[in-house]
Each structure stands twice: as structure tokens, then as C-alpha cells.
Amino acid sequence: MTYILTNYHVIDGVEDLKVSFADGSSYDAVLVGGEADNDIAVLKIEADGLLPVTVGNSRNMQVGEQVVAIGNPLGELTFTLTAGYISALDREITMSGGTAINVLQTDAAINSGNSGGPLFNLYGECIGIVNAKYSNNGSSDASIEGIGFAIPIHDVVDLVTDIMAHGYVTGKPFLGVTVEDVDAAARQRGIPAGVVLQAVAPGLAAGKGGLREGDILTSINGAALDSSDGLTEALEQYSAGETITFSVYRDGKSLSVKIKLDERNSETQKTLENYIVQKQAAEQQPSTQHIPTMPDSDFFPRNWLWEHFFPS
């Protein structure tokens, strides 16, 4: 059994996974698990005796050190090696799902197809996973060259170990809610800044702790909340099983609610998804309230209203 580390965005939505090697051999792969927030995924293949990479220390990398990337640019130039330098440390880029991660910046040539490939130092040690580059696909007409990024290997080693053992990253906190920001118009009417709970799944952390749909979360453990992104970033500082305190604005009053965080896993996520589907279905159901219609005749008996509104 051999495990393969790649980017989550490389395998996202793909059903038929294969891993090919320089000698022409190819293996069917199985997805062990992935972590979209950190853009990593782990595959496994039925192969033994393969030579694994040596993991270097990405924390010791310095600007100006030489690095090489190996990948499959454009999906057709297999096993291409490019070389360059570490251009910057601790850059922050935002993934497609909105999560920000810290990366190494390099001027080694990076192209589509390099994603998921290794970034090596000159000792042949893997110090990063190539995952992104700047390009001219945006609104800017400026020419962009030599700005590529790699996830530092030490930022994901523990996550990869978790995925190999459990199929997912354990200990991540989960509230069991969907939220939206309090908009500017509401704040002008005196509603405090924060996030509004749109859905609160019964049986998950928020619901068990007493939070309700329509509640506005204004702070977490004393730190102000003003956006859904702020809530996500704040929760990343805690682990499943920890108890946190929210300041809540409800019906014109402020109160404190203690919540013991659940773990984010397939079961808790499915519970929330099922609740959202049920909630949406209920909201789309036509009203069953009976509204009496007027008779065709211009003449109504004196007891017409009584009979229709207070039937025996």
C-alpha cells in the first residue's frame, strides 16, 4: 500500500483516479480523504516498494534559496522539472472556497498541471506542495510571470497523518449552522453588527446549546464578530469539544450562550445538509390555511360569516 499526497482541487469532483509513474506503470487510486480548506488530498494505490520522498524542513527555508518543481505542466509535458528561487515566505492566498492559507512564493516556472507536485530544495528534500500561480486571467492587463506558490510541507504533515488514519482531519470545530452578515441597512436601524443564524440544525452544537434561527452572534469569547468570514476565522482557533461563549442579540436583548463545539466530519455535515433540505422543502410548501370565498350571489344570509369562520 502506498499513499500519494496531492492538492484537493486536483481531485475535486473526479471519480476515476489513476497514478502514473515515469516507467510507464499506472495504478488505479482510491481517495483516502481530503481537506478543501488547506487544499490537500491523500490517495492510496496497491503498490509496494516505491521510493518515498524525503521530507525537508520548510520552516528553515529562506528567501533566495534555490528550489526545483516537478510536475506535468499543461497536462501533457509529463515529469517536467523547473528551477528557481524562494521569492517570499508566509504569503497569504485565498482559495476558491474563501479560505486563506500561508504559502511559499517561488519564481520557478509553474503552469497548469503542476498542482499537487513537489517543491524540492537542493538537497532533494520535499519542502512544499505546488498549488497555485498568478496569471493574466483577471481584469488586469499587466504581464505576470514567475509568481508561483507552494504549501509549506510542515503546515500539512499533521493533517496528512490524520487523513491517513481517519479519512479526514479530526478535531475541527463545527457549529451546525448557516449564517449571513447583518447588512448595512439593518445596522442603520440599530441592529448590531454580527452574523445572523439562518439555519440551526437540531442535535448539533448550536442547537443543543440553545441558539435559535434569527439570533445574531456579535462576539465569540469576547472578540467581536462582524462577518461570516470573521466567524470562520475565529472558530479555527478552537477545537472540537471546547466550550466557547457567544454574545447573542435576540429580540432586542443581549445575552450570553455557551456552546460545546462538535467535530466537523461527514456525519455532522450530513446532518446539517439534511436539515437545510428539509427546511427549504417546508418553506416551499403552499399554505394549508383555509380562506373562505365569497358566494356568487349578491345576497348573503345573516349567518354567512358565522358559518364560514366558526363552523360547527
C-alpha atoms as a PDB file:
ATOM      1  CA  MET A   1       0.000   0.000   0.000  1.00  0.00           C
ATOM      2  CA  THR A   2       1.366   3.431  -0.973  1.00  0.00           C
ATOM      3  CA  TYR A   3      -0.072   6.845  -0.119  1.00  0.00           C
ATOM      4  CA  ILE A   4       0.094   9.786  -2.538  1.00  0.00           C
ATOM      5  CA  LEU A   5      -0.231  13.440  -1.459  1.00  0.00           C
ATOM      6  CA  THR A   6      -1.713  15.965  -3.881  1.00  0.00           C
ATOM      7  CA  ASN A   7      -3.937  19.056  -3.930  1.00  0.00           C
ATOM      8  CA  TYR A   8      -7.635  18.823  -3.145  1.00  0.00           C
ATOM      9  CA  HIS A   9      -8.539  20.944  -6.167  1.00  0.00           C
ATOM     10  CA  VAL A  10      -6.812  18.391  -8.422  1.00  0.00           C
ATOM     11  CA  ILE A  11      -9.165  15.553  -7.462  1.00  0.00           C
ATOM     12  CA  ASP A  12     -12.294  17.510  -6.520  1.00  0.00           C
ATOM     13  CA  GLY A  13     -15.229  16.017  -8.433  1.00  0.00           C
ATOM     14  CA  VAL A  14     -13.094  13.344 -10.133  1.00  0.00           C
ATOM     15  CA  GLU A  15     -14.384   9.758  -9.933  1.00  0.00           C
ATOM     16  CA  ASP A  16     -11.776   7.821 -11.929  1.00  0.00           C
ATOM     17  CA  LEU A  17      -8.387   8.376 -10.265  1.00  0.00           C
ATOM     18  CA  LYS A  18      -5.125   6.999 -11.642  1.00  0.00           C
ATOM     19  CA  VAL A  19      -1.488   7.477 -10.658  1.00  0.00           C
ATOM     20  CA  SER A  20       1.207   7.148 -13.357  1.00  0.00           C
ATOM     21  CA  PHE A  21       4.955   6.776 -12.938  1.00  0.00           C
ATOM     22  CA  ALA A  22       7.996   7.648 -15.046  1.00  0.00           C
ATOM     23  CA  ASP A  23       8.483   3.993 -16.051  1.00  0.00           C
ATOM     24  CA  GLY A  24       5.046   3.964 -17.698  1.00  0.00           C
ATOM     25  CA  SER A  25       3.284   1.958 -14.974  1.00  0.00           C
ATOM     26  CA  SER A  26      -0.150   3.120 -13.887  1.00  0.00           C
ATOM     27  CA  TYR A  27      -2.337   2.279 -10.884  1.00  0.00           C
ATOM     28  CA  ASP A  28      -5.983   2.846 -10.016  1.00  0.00           C
ATOM     29  CA  ALA A  29      -6.137   5.119  -6.983  1.00  0.00           C
ATOM     30  CA  VAL A  30      -8.617   5.445  -4.131  1.00  0.00           C
ATOM     31  CA  LEU A  31      -9.284   8.721  -2.368  1.00  0.00           C
ATOM     32  CA  VAL A  32      -8.471   8.280   1.329  1.00  0.00           C
ATOM     33  CA  GLY A  33      -9.674  11.766   2.235  1.00  0.00           C
ATOM     34  CA  GLY A  34      -9.213  15.448   1.597  1.00  0.00           C
ATOM     35  CA  GLU A  35      -9.081  18.852   3.243  1.00  0.00           C
ATOM     36  CA  ALA A  36     -10.508  21.542   0.965  1.00  0.00           C
ATOM     37  CA  ASP A  37      -9.645  24.363   3.385  1.00  0.00           C
ATOM     38  CA  ASN A  38      -5.928  23.545   3.147  1.00  0.00           C
ATOM     39  CA  ASP A  39      -6.082  22.214  -0.435  1.00  0.00           C
ATOM     40  CA  ILE A  40      -4.656  18.761   0.293  1.00  0.00           C
ATOM     41  CA  ALA A  41      -5.829  15.258  -0.555  1.00  0.00           C
ATOM     42  CA  VAL A  42      -4.445  11.786   0.081  1.00  0.00           C
ATOM     43  CA  LEU A  43      -4.774   8.889  -2.370  1.00  0.00           C
ATOM     44  CA  LYS A  44      -3.691   5.283  -1.984  1.00  0.00           C
ATOM     45  CA  ILE A  45      -2.616   2.690  -4.533  1.00  0.00           C
ATOM     46  CA  GLU A  46      -1.936  -1.034  -4.308  1.00  0.00           C
ATOM     47  CA  ALA A  47       1.811  -0.839  -4.871  1.00  0.00           C
ATOM     48  CA  ASP A  48       4.770  -1.676  -2.662  1.00  0.00           C
ATOM     49  CA  GLY A  49       8.492  -0.987  -2.788  1.00  0.00           C
ATOM     50  CA  LEU A  50       8.193   2.552  -4.146  1.00  0.00           C
ATOM     51  CA  LEU A  51      10.753   5.140  -3.056  1.00  0.00           C
ATOM     52  CA  PRO A  52       9.094   7.894  -0.972  1.00  0.00           C
ATOM     53  CA  VAL A  53      10.258  11.493  -0.945  1.00  0.00           C
ATOM     54  CA  THR A  54      12.401  12.735   1.902  1.00  0.00           C
ATOM     55  CA  VAL A  55      10.609  15.467   3.817  1.00  0.00           C
ATOM     56  CA  GLY A  56      12.706  18.564   4.399  1.00  0.00           C
ATOM     57  CA  ASN A  57      12.187  21.392   6.889  1.00  0.00           C
ATOM     58  CA  SER A  58      10.055  24.065   5.236  1.00  0.00           C
ATOM     59  CA  ARG A  59      10.347  26.240   8.346  1.00  0.00           C
ATOM     60  CA  ASN A  60      14.071  26.723   7.673  1.00  0.00           C
ATOM     61  CA  MET A  61      13.676  27.973   4.093  1.00  0.00           C
ATOM     62  CA  GLN A  62      14.981  31.470   3.379  1.00  0.00           C
ATOM     63  CA  VAL A  63      14.345  33.962   0.609  1.00  0.00           C
ATOM     64  CA  GLY A  64      16.961  33.403  -2.109  1.00  0.00           C
ATOM     65  CA  GLU A  65      17.334  29.639  -1.620  1.00  0.00           C
ATOM     66  CA  GLN A  66      17.142  27.615  -4.806  1.00  0.00           C
ATOM     67  CA  VAL A  67      14.268  25.185  -5.349  1.00  0.00           C
ATOM     68  CA  VAL A  68      13.041  22.887  -8.106  1.00  0.00           C
ATOM     69  CA  ALA A  69       9.492  21.858  -9.015  1.00  0.00           C
ATOM     70  CA  ILE A  70       8.481  18.630 -10.743  1.00  0.00           C
ATOM     71  CA  GLY A  71       5.111  18.324 -12.409  1.00  0.00           C
ATOM     72  CA  ASN A  72       3.014  17.774 -15.502  1.00  0.00           C
ATOM     73  CA  PRO A  73       2.531  21.270 -16.982  1.00  0.00           C
ATOM     74  CA  LEU A  74      -0.437  21.639 -19.340  1.00  0.00           C
ATOM     75  CA  GLY A  75      -1.283  18.013 -18.592  1.00  0.00           C
ATOM     76  CA  GLU A  76       0.963  16.764 -21.391  1.00  0.00           C
ATOM     77  CA  LEU A  77       4.605  17.572 -20.567  1.00  0.00           C
ATOM     78  CA  THR A  78       4.996  14.774 -18.065  1.00  0.00           C
ATOM     79  CA  PHE A  79       7.787  14.828 -15.443  1.00  0.00           C
ATOM     80  CA  THR A  80       8.965  18.344 -16.252  1.00  0.00           C
ATOM     81  CA  LEU A  81      11.493  19.938 -13.879  1.00  0.00           C
ATOM     82  CA  THR A  82      11.743  23.701 -13.451  1.00  0.00           C
ATOM     83  CA  ALA A  83      14.111  25.629 -11.177  1.00  0.00           C
ATOM     84  CA  GLY A  84      14.066  28.964  -9.390  1.00  0.00           C
ATOM     85  CA  TYR A  85      14.329  30.611  -6.010  1.00  0.00           C
ATOM     86  CA  ILE A  86      12.217  31.166  -2.927  1.00  0.00           C
ATOM     87  CA  SER A  87      10.899  34.675  -3.605  1.00  0.00           C
ATOM     88  CA  ALA A  88       8.976  35.242  -0.350  1.00  0.00           C
ATOM     89  CA  LEU A  89       7.857  33.455   2.804  1.00  0.00           C
ATOM     90  CA  ASP A  90       4.444  33.440   4.509  1.00  0.00           C
ATOM     91  CA  ARG A  91       2.468  34.828   1.617  1.00  0.00           C
ATOM     92  CA  GLU A  92      -1.292  34.548   2.088  1.00  0.00           C
ATOM     93  CA  ILE A  93      -3.514  33.462  -0.798  1.00  0.00           C
ATOM     94  CA  THR A  94      -7.252  32.825  -0.825  1.00  0.00           C
ATOM     95  CA  MET A  95      -8.538  29.506  -2.105  1.00  0.00           C
ATOM     96  CA  SER A  96     -11.668  29.185  -4.276  1.00  0.00           C
ATOM     97  CA  GLY A  97     -13.760  28.355  -1.200  1.00  0.00           C
ATOM     98  CA  GLY A  98     -12.685  31.578   0.522  1.00  0.00           C
ATOM     99  CA  THR A  99     -10.183  30.051   2.942  1.00  0.00           C
ATOM    100  CA  ALA A 100      -6.843  31.877   3.274  1.00  0.00           C
ATOM    101  CA  ILE A 101      -3.668  29.786   3.582  1.00  0.00           C
ATOM    102  CA  ASN A 102       0.012  30.679   4.002  1.00  0.00           C
ATOM    103  CA  VAL A 103       2.342  29.652   1.175  1.00  0.00           C
ATOM    104  CA  LEU A 104       5.899  29.896  -0.082  1.00  0.00           C
ATOM    105  CA  GLN A 105       6.373  32.072  -3.167  1.00  0.00           C
ATOM    106  CA  THR A 106       8.757  30.948  -5.905  1.00  0.00           C
ATOM    107  CA  ASP A 107       9.830  32.149  -9.347  1.00  0.00           C
ATOM    108  CA  ALA A 108      10.300  28.568 -10.590  1.00  0.00           C
ATOM    109  CA  ALA A 109       8.097  28.169 -13.686  1.00  0.00           C
ATOM    110  CA  ILE A 110       4.667  26.947 -12.561  1.00  0.00           C
ATOM    111  CA  ASN A 111       1.876  26.161 -15.019  1.00  0.00           C
ATOM    112  CA  SER A 112      -1.472  24.393 -15.098  1.00  0.00           C
ATOM    113  CA  GLY A 113      -0.687  20.763 -14.397  1.00  0.00           C
ATOM    114  CA  ASN A 114       1.969  21.490 -11.778  1.00  0.00           C
ATOM    115  CA  SER A 115      -0.639  21.477  -8.992  1.00  0.00           C
ATOM    116  CA  GLY A 116      -0.057  18.745  -6.447  1.00  0.00           C
ATOM    117  CA  GLY A 117       3.565  18.266  -7.451  1.00  0.00           C
ATOM    118  CA  PRO A 118       6.505  18.590  -5.050  1.00  0.00           C
ATOM    119  CA  LEU A 119       8.785  21.564  -4.500  1.00  0.00           C
ATOM    120  CA  PHE A 120      12.301  20.395  -3.552  1.00  0.00           C
ATOM    121  CA  ASN A 121      15.276  22.123  -2.011  1.00  0.00           C
ATOM    122  CA  LEU A 122      18.724  21.424  -3.473  1.00  0.00           C
ATOM    123  CA  TYR A 123      19.204  18.517  -1.060  1.00  0.00           C
ATOM    124  CA  GLY A 124      16.377  16.677  -2.807  1.00  0.00           C
ATOM    125  CA  GLU A 125      14.054  17.153   0.177  1.00  0.00           C
ATOM    126  CA  CYS A 126      10.387  17.989  -0.349  1.00  0.00           C
ATOM    127  CA  ILE A 127       9.638  21.327   1.304  1.00  0.00           C
ATOM    128  CA  GLY A 128       6.323  22.166  -0.348  1.00  0.00           C
ATOM    129  CA  ILE A 129       3.344  21.168  -2.497  1.00  0.00           C
ATOM    130  CA  VAL A 130       2.890  23.359  -5.576  1.00  0.00           C
ATOM    131  CA  ASN A 131      -0.706  24.587  -5.648  1.00  0.00           C
ATOM    132  CA  ALA A 132      -1.185  27.939  -7.427  1.00  0.00           C
ATOM    133  CA  LYS A 133       0.247  30.742  -9.569  1.00  0.00           C
ATOM    134  CA  TYR A 134      -0.649  34.284 -10.524  1.00  0.00           C
ATOM    135  CA  SER A 135      -1.762  34.665 -14.130  1.00  0.00           C
ATOM    136  CA  ASN A 136      -3.249  37.225 -16.533  1.00  0.00           C
ATOM    137  CA  ASN A 137      -6.732  35.716 -16.381  1.00  0.00           C
ATOM    138  CA  GLY A 138      -8.083  38.517 -14.224  1.00  0.00           C
ATOM    139  CA  SER A 139      -9.086  42.059 -15.164  1.00  0.00           C
ATOM    140  CA  SER A 140      -5.505  43.369 -15.090  1.00  0.00           C
ATOM    141  CA  ASP A 141      -3.635  43.811 -18.386  1.00  0.00           C
ATOM    142  CA  ALA A 142      -0.275  43.692 -16.605  1.00  0.00           C
ATOM    143  CA  SER A 143       2.098  40.931 -17.663  1.00  0.00           C
ATOM    144  CA  ILE A 144       2.579  38.411 -14.848  1.00  0.00           C
ATOM    145  CA  GLU A 145       5.487  35.975 -14.818  1.00  0.00           C
ATOM    146  CA  GLY A 146       7.307  33.947 -12.214  1.00  0.00           C
ATOM    147  CA  ILE A 147       4.843  34.168  -9.317  1.00  0.00           C
ATOM    148  CA  GLY A 148       4.050  30.665  -8.150  1.00  0.00           C
ATOM    149  CA  PHE A 149       3.091  29.260  -4.763  1.00  0.00           C
ATOM    150  CA  ALA A 150       3.573  26.084  -2.738  1.00  0.00           C
ATOM    151  CA  ILE A 151       2.065  24.942   0.554  1.00  0.00           C
ATOM    152  CA  PRO A 152       4.867  24.501   3.126  1.00  0.00           C
ATOM    153  CA  ILE A 153       5.135  20.792   3.895  1.00  0.00           C
ATOM    154  CA  HIS A 154       5.251  21.345   7.652  1.00  0.00           C
ATOM    155  CA  ASP A 155       1.883  23.113   7.561  1.00  0.00           C
ATOM    156  CA  VAL A 156       0.174  19.896   6.444  1.00  0.00           C
ATOM    157  CA  VAL A 157       2.195  16.976   7.850  1.00  0.00           C
ATOM    158  CA  ASP A 158      -0.116  16.505  10.842  1.00  0.00           C
ATOM    159  CA  LEU A 159      -3.196  16.934   8.641  1.00  0.00           C
ATOM    160  CA  VAL A 160      -1.946  14.267   6.230  1.00  0.00           C
ATOM    161  CA  THR A 161      -1.272  11.877   9.109  1.00  0.00           C
ATOM    162  CA  ASP A 162      -4.839  12.441  10.338  1.00  0.00           C
ATOM    163  CA  ILE A 163      -6.295  11.774   6.886  1.00  0.00           C
ATOM    164  CA  MET A 164      -4.272   8.570   6.504  1.00  0.00           C
ATOM    165  CA  ALA A 165      -5.512   7.310   9.869  1.00  0.00           C
ATOM    166  CA  HIS A 166      -9.138   8.512   9.839  1.00  0.00           C
ATOM    167  CA  GLY A 167     -10.003   9.641   6.320  1.00  0.00           C
ATOM    168  CA  TYR A 168     -10.447  13.244   7.413  1.00  0.00           C
ATOM    169  CA  VAL A 169      -8.817  15.880   9.610  1.00  0.00           C
ATOM    170  CA  THR A 170     -10.019  15.256  13.156  1.00  0.00           C
ATOM    171  CA  GLY A 171     -10.747  17.825  15.829  1.00  0.00           C
ATOM    172  CA  LYS A 172     -12.025  20.601  13.559  1.00  0.00           C
ATOM    173  CA  PRO A 173     -14.859  22.577  15.194  1.00  0.00           C
ATOM    174  CA  PHE A 174     -18.420  22.560  13.877  1.00  0.00           C
ATOM    175  CA  LEU A 175     -21.418  24.647  14.951  1.00  0.00           C
ATOM    176  CA  GLY A 176     -24.077  23.120  12.722  1.00  0.00           C
ATOM    177  CA  VAL A 177     -25.427  26.394  11.335  1.00  0.00           C
ATOM    178  CA  THR A 178     -25.609  28.542   8.225  1.00  0.00           C
ATOM    179  CA  VAL A 179     -25.174  32.288   8.596  1.00  0.00           C
ATOM    180  CA  GLU A 180     -25.231  35.585   6.732  1.00  0.00           C
ATOM    181  CA  ASP A 181     -23.893  39.024   7.611  1.00  0.00           C
ATOM    182  CA  VAL A 182     -26.041  41.719   9.192  1.00  0.00           C
ATOM    183  CA  ASP A 183     -26.333  44.204   6.322  1.00  0.00           C
ATOM    184  CA  ALA A 184     -25.698  47.931   6.464  1.00  0.00           C
ATOM    185  CA  ALA A 185     -29.398  48.800   6.243  1.00  0.00           C
ATOM    186  CA  ALA A 186     -30.155  46.736   9.365  1.00  0.00           C
ATOM    187  CA  ARG A 187     -27.264  48.333  11.254  1.00  0.00           C
ATOM    188  CA  GLN A 188     -28.643  51.772  10.414  1.00  0.00           C
ATOM    189  CA  ARG A 189     -31.870  50.719  12.140  1.00  0.00           C
ATOM    190  CA  GLY A 190     -29.962  49.929  15.310  1.00  0.00           C
ATOM    191  CA  ILE A 191     -29.292  46.217  14.770  1.00  0.00           C
ATOM    192  CA  PRO A 192     -25.731  45.399  15.952  1.00  0.00           C
ATOM    193  CA  ALA A 193     -23.022  44.169  13.592  1.00  0.00           C
ATOM    194  CA  GLY A 194     -22.644  40.407  13.549  1.00  0.00           C
ATOM    195  CA  VAL A 195     -23.861  37.288  11.756  1.00  0.00           C
ATOM    196  CA  VAL A 196     -27.463  36.108  11.584  1.00  0.00           C
ATOM    197  CA  LEU A 197     -28.200  32.405  12.067  1.00  0.00           C
ATOM    198  CA  GLN A 198     -30.214  31.285   9.034  1.00  0.00           C
ATOM    199  CA  ALA A 199     -30.375  27.562   9.830  1.00  0.00           C
ATOM    200  CA  VAL A 200     -29.710  25.863  13.159  1.00  0.00           C
ATOM    201  CA  ALA A 201     -29.757  22.068  12.923  1.00  0.00           C
ATOM    202  CA  PRO A 202     -31.346  20.375  15.952  1.00  0.00           C
ATOM    203  CA  GLY A 203     -28.980  17.929  17.624  1.00  0.00           C
ATOM    204  CA  LEU A 204     -25.793  19.756  16.623  1.00  0.00           C
ATOM    205  CA  ALA A 205     -23.675  22.102  18.732  1.00  0.00           C
ATOM    206  CA  ALA A 206     -25.543  25.380  18.227  1.00  0.00           C
ATOM    207  CA  GLY A 207     -28.990  23.820  18.542  1.00  0.00           C
ATOM    208  CA  LYS A 208     -28.063  21.811  21.635  1.00  0.00           C
ATOM    209  CA  GLY A 209     -26.573  24.935  23.213  1.00  0.00           C
ATOM    210  CA  GLY A 210     -29.748  26.974  22.806  1.00  0.00           C
ATOM    211  CA  LEU A 211     -29.023  29.117  19.763  1.00  0.00           C
ATOM    212  CA  ARG A 212     -32.025  29.857  17.529  1.00  0.00           C
ATOM    213  CA  GLU A 213     -32.614  30.826  13.935  1.00  0.00           C
ATOM    214  CA  GLY A 214     -32.686  34.611  13.738  1.00  0.00           C
ATOM    215  CA  ASP A 215     -30.162  35.058  16.547  1.00  0.00           C
ATOM    216  CA  ILE A 216     -27.339  37.485  15.802  1.00  0.00           C
ATOM    217  CA  LEU A 217     -23.877  36.455  17.006  1.00  0.00           C
ATOM    218  CA  THR A 218     -21.961  39.602  17.929  1.00  0.00           C
ATOM    219  CA  SER A 219     -18.852  38.181  19.632  1.00  0.00           C
ATOM    220  CA  ILE A 220     -17.050  34.926  20.412  1.00  0.00           C
ATOM    221  CA  ASN A 221     -15.207  34.666  23.726  1.00  0.00           C
ATOM    222  CA  GLY A 222     -15.190  38.447  23.864  1.00  0.00           C
ATOM    223  CA  ALA A 223     -13.822  39.008  20.332  1.00  0.00           C
ATOM    224  CA  ALA A 224     -16.199  40.999  18.135  1.00  0.00           C
ATOM    225  CA  LEU A 225     -17.781  39.339  15.090  1.00  0.00           C
ATOM    226  CA  ASP A 226     -18.777  41.450  12.103  1.00  0.00           C
ATOM    227  CA  SER A 227     -18.887  38.942   9.239  1.00  0.00           C
ATOM    228  CA  SER A 228     -19.326  35.275   8.371  1.00  0.00           C
ATOM    229  CA  ASP A 229     -15.661  35.164   7.316  1.00  0.00           C
ATOM    230  CA  GLY A 230     -14.761  36.525  10.749  1.00  0.00           C
ATOM    231  CA  LEU A 231     -16.764  33.729  12.383  1.00  0.00           C
ATOM    232  CA  THR A 232     -14.969  31.093  10.290  1.00  0.00           C
ATOM    233  CA  GLU A 233     -11.557  32.529  11.154  1.00  0.00           C
ATOM    234  CA  ALA A 234     -12.445  32.764  14.846  1.00  0.00           C
ATOM    235  CA  LEU A 235     -13.632  29.154  15.025  1.00  0.00           C
ATOM    236  CA  GLU A 236     -10.350  27.969  13.503  1.00  0.00           C
ATOM    237  CA  GLN A 237      -8.693  28.951  16.787  1.00  0.00           C
ATOM    238  CA  TYR A 238     -10.664  26.272  18.656  1.00  0.00           C
ATOM    239  CA  SER A 239     -11.034  22.503  18.566  1.00  0.00           C
ATOM    240  CA  ALA A 240     -13.970  20.120  18.730  1.00  0.00           C
ATOM    241  CA  GLY A 241     -15.026  19.536  22.325  1.00  0.00           C
ATOM    242  CA  GLU A 242     -14.068  23.013  23.535  1.00  0.00           C
ATOM    243  CA  THR A 243     -16.739  25.258  25.049  1.00  0.00           C
ATOM    244  CA  ILE A 244     -16.998  28.824  23.773  1.00  0.00           C
ATOM    245  CA  THR A 245     -19.226  31.739  24.733  1.00  0.00           C
ATOM    246  CA  PHE A 246     -21.184  33.753  22.184  1.00  0.00           C
ATOM    247  CA  SER A 247     -22.697  37.164  22.791  1.00  0.00           C
ATOM    248  CA  VAL A 248     -26.116  36.974  21.154  1.00  0.00           C
ATOM    249  CA  TYR A 249     -28.608  39.666  20.167  1.00  0.00           C
ATOM    250  CA  ARG A 250     -32.138  38.231  20.354  1.00  0.00           C
ATOM    251  CA  ASP A 251     -35.459  40.090  20.335  1.00  0.00           C
ATOM    252  CA  GLY A 252     -33.815  43.388  21.191  1.00  0.00           C
ATOM    253  CA  LYS A 253     -31.824  41.979  24.099  1.00  0.00           C
ATOM    254  CA  SER A 254     -28.239  40.801  24.556  1.00  0.00           C
ATOM    255  CA  LEU A 255     -27.399  37.504  26.244  1.00  0.00           C
ATOM    256  CA  SER A 256     -24.536  35.027  26.556  1.00  0.00           C
ATOM    257  CA  VAL A 257     -24.771  31.459  25.287  1.00  0.00           C
ATOM    258  CA  LYS A 258     -22.199  28.734  25.937  1.00  0.00           C
ATOM    259  CA  ILE A 259     -21.682  26.213  23.135  1.00  0.00           C
ATOM    260  CA  LYS A 260     -19.701  22.978  23.227  1.00  0.00           C
ATOM    261  CA  LEU A 261     -18.298  22.571  19.718  1.00  0.00           C
ATOM    262  CA  ASP A 262     -18.952  19.437  17.682  1.00  0.00           C
ATOM    263  CA  GLU A 263     -16.371  17.872  15.371  1.00  0.00           C
ATOM    264  CA  ARG A 264     -16.662  18.615  11.673  1.00  0.00           C
ATOM    265  CA  ASN A 265     -16.913  15.269   9.938  1.00  0.00           C
ATOM    266  CA  SER A 266     -19.083  13.575   7.319  1.00  0.00           C
ATOM    267  CA  GLU A 267     -21.794  12.734   9.867  1.00  0.00           C
ATOM    268  CA  THR A 268     -22.230  16.233  11.302  1.00  0.00           C
ATOM    269  CA  GLN A 269     -22.019  17.856   7.872  1.00  0.00           C
ATOM    270  CA  LYS A 270     -24.645  15.445   6.515  1.00  0.00           C
ATOM    271  CA  THR A 271     -26.930  16.213   9.459  1.00  0.00           C
ATOM    272  CA  LEU A 272     -26.760  19.931   8.663  1.00  0.00           C
ATOM    273  CA  GLU A 273     -27.252  19.352   4.931  1.00  0.00           C
ATOM    274  CA  ASN A 274     -30.329  17.170   5.555  1.00  0.00           C
ATOM    275  CA  TYR A 275     -31.815  19.786   7.860  1.00  0.00           C
ATOM    276  CA  ILE A 276     -31.308  22.532   5.266  1.00  0.00           C
ATOM    277  CA  VAL A 277     -33.038  20.411   2.599  1.00  0.00           C
ATOM    278  CA  GLN A 278     -35.971  19.727   4.947  1.00  0.00           C
ATOM    279  CA  LYS A 279     -36.203  23.395   5.909  1.00  0.00           C
ATOM    280  CA  GLN A 280     -36.233  24.525   2.278  1.00  0.00           C
ATOM    281  CA  ALA A 281     -38.860  21.937   1.376  1.00  0.00           C
ATOM    282  CA  ALA A 282     -41.090  23.079   4.251  1.00  0.00           C
ATOM    283  CA  GLU A 283     -40.751  26.721   3.215  1.00  0.00           C
ATOM    284  CA  GLN A 284     -41.824  25.865  -0.348  1.00  0.00           C
ATOM    285  CA  GLN A 285     -44.983  24.063   0.748  1.00  0.00           C
ATOM    286  CA  PRO A 286     -48.160  26.012  -0.077  1.00  0.00           C
ATOM    287  CA  SER A 287     -50.140  27.290   2.875  1.00  0.00           C
ATOM    288  CA  THR A 288     -52.881  24.933   4.096  1.00  0.00           C
ATOM    289  CA  GLN A 289     -54.816  27.758   5.753  1.00  0.00           C
ATOM    290  CA  HIS A 290     -58.465  27.819   4.531  1.00  0.00           C
ATOM    291  CA  ILE A 291     -59.538  31.212   3.225  1.00  0.00           C
ATOM    292  CA  PRO A 292     -63.322  31.370   2.650  1.00  0.00           C
ATOM    293  CA  THR A 293     -64.518  32.661  -0.713  1.00  0.00           C
ATOM    294  CA  MET A 294     -67.463  34.953  -1.232  1.00  0.00           C
ATOM    295  CA  PRO A 295     -70.686  33.398  -2.570  1.00  0.00           C
ATOM    296  CA  ASP A 296     -71.705  34.170  -6.136  1.00  0.00           C
ATOM    297  CA  SER A 297     -74.984  35.743  -5.044  1.00  0.00           C
ATOM    298  CA  ASP A 298     -75.181  39.404  -4.117  1.00  0.00           C
ATOM    299  CA  PHE A 299     -77.394  38.361  -1.217  1.00  0.00           C
ATOM    300  CA  PHE A 300     -75.770  36.806   1.872  1.00  0.00           C
ATOM    301  CA  PRO A 301     -77.736  35.193   4.677  1.00  0.00           C
ATOM    302  CA  ARG A 302     -77.200  36.904   8.031  1.00  0.00           C
ATOM    303  CA  ASN A 303     -75.253  33.926   9.414  1.00  0.00           C
ATOM    304  CA  TRP A 304     -72.854  33.592   6.415  1.00  0.00           C
ATOM    305  CA  LEU A 305     -69.784  34.976   8.253  1.00  0.00           C
ATOM    306  CA  TRP A 306     -70.617  32.966  11.362  1.00  0.00           C
ATOM    307  CA  GLU A 307     -70.897  29.706   9.401  1.00  0.00           C
ATOM    308  CA  HIS A 308     -67.639  30.257   7.494  1.00  0.00           C
ATOM    309  CA  PHE A 309     -65.473  31.491  10.315  1.00  0.00           C
ATOM    310  CA  PHE A 310     -66.989  29.466  13.168  1.00  0.00           C
ATOM    311  CA  PRO A 311     -68.226  26.221  11.631  1.00  0.00           C
ATOM    312  CA  SER A 312     -69.883  23.749  13.928  1.00  0.00           C
END
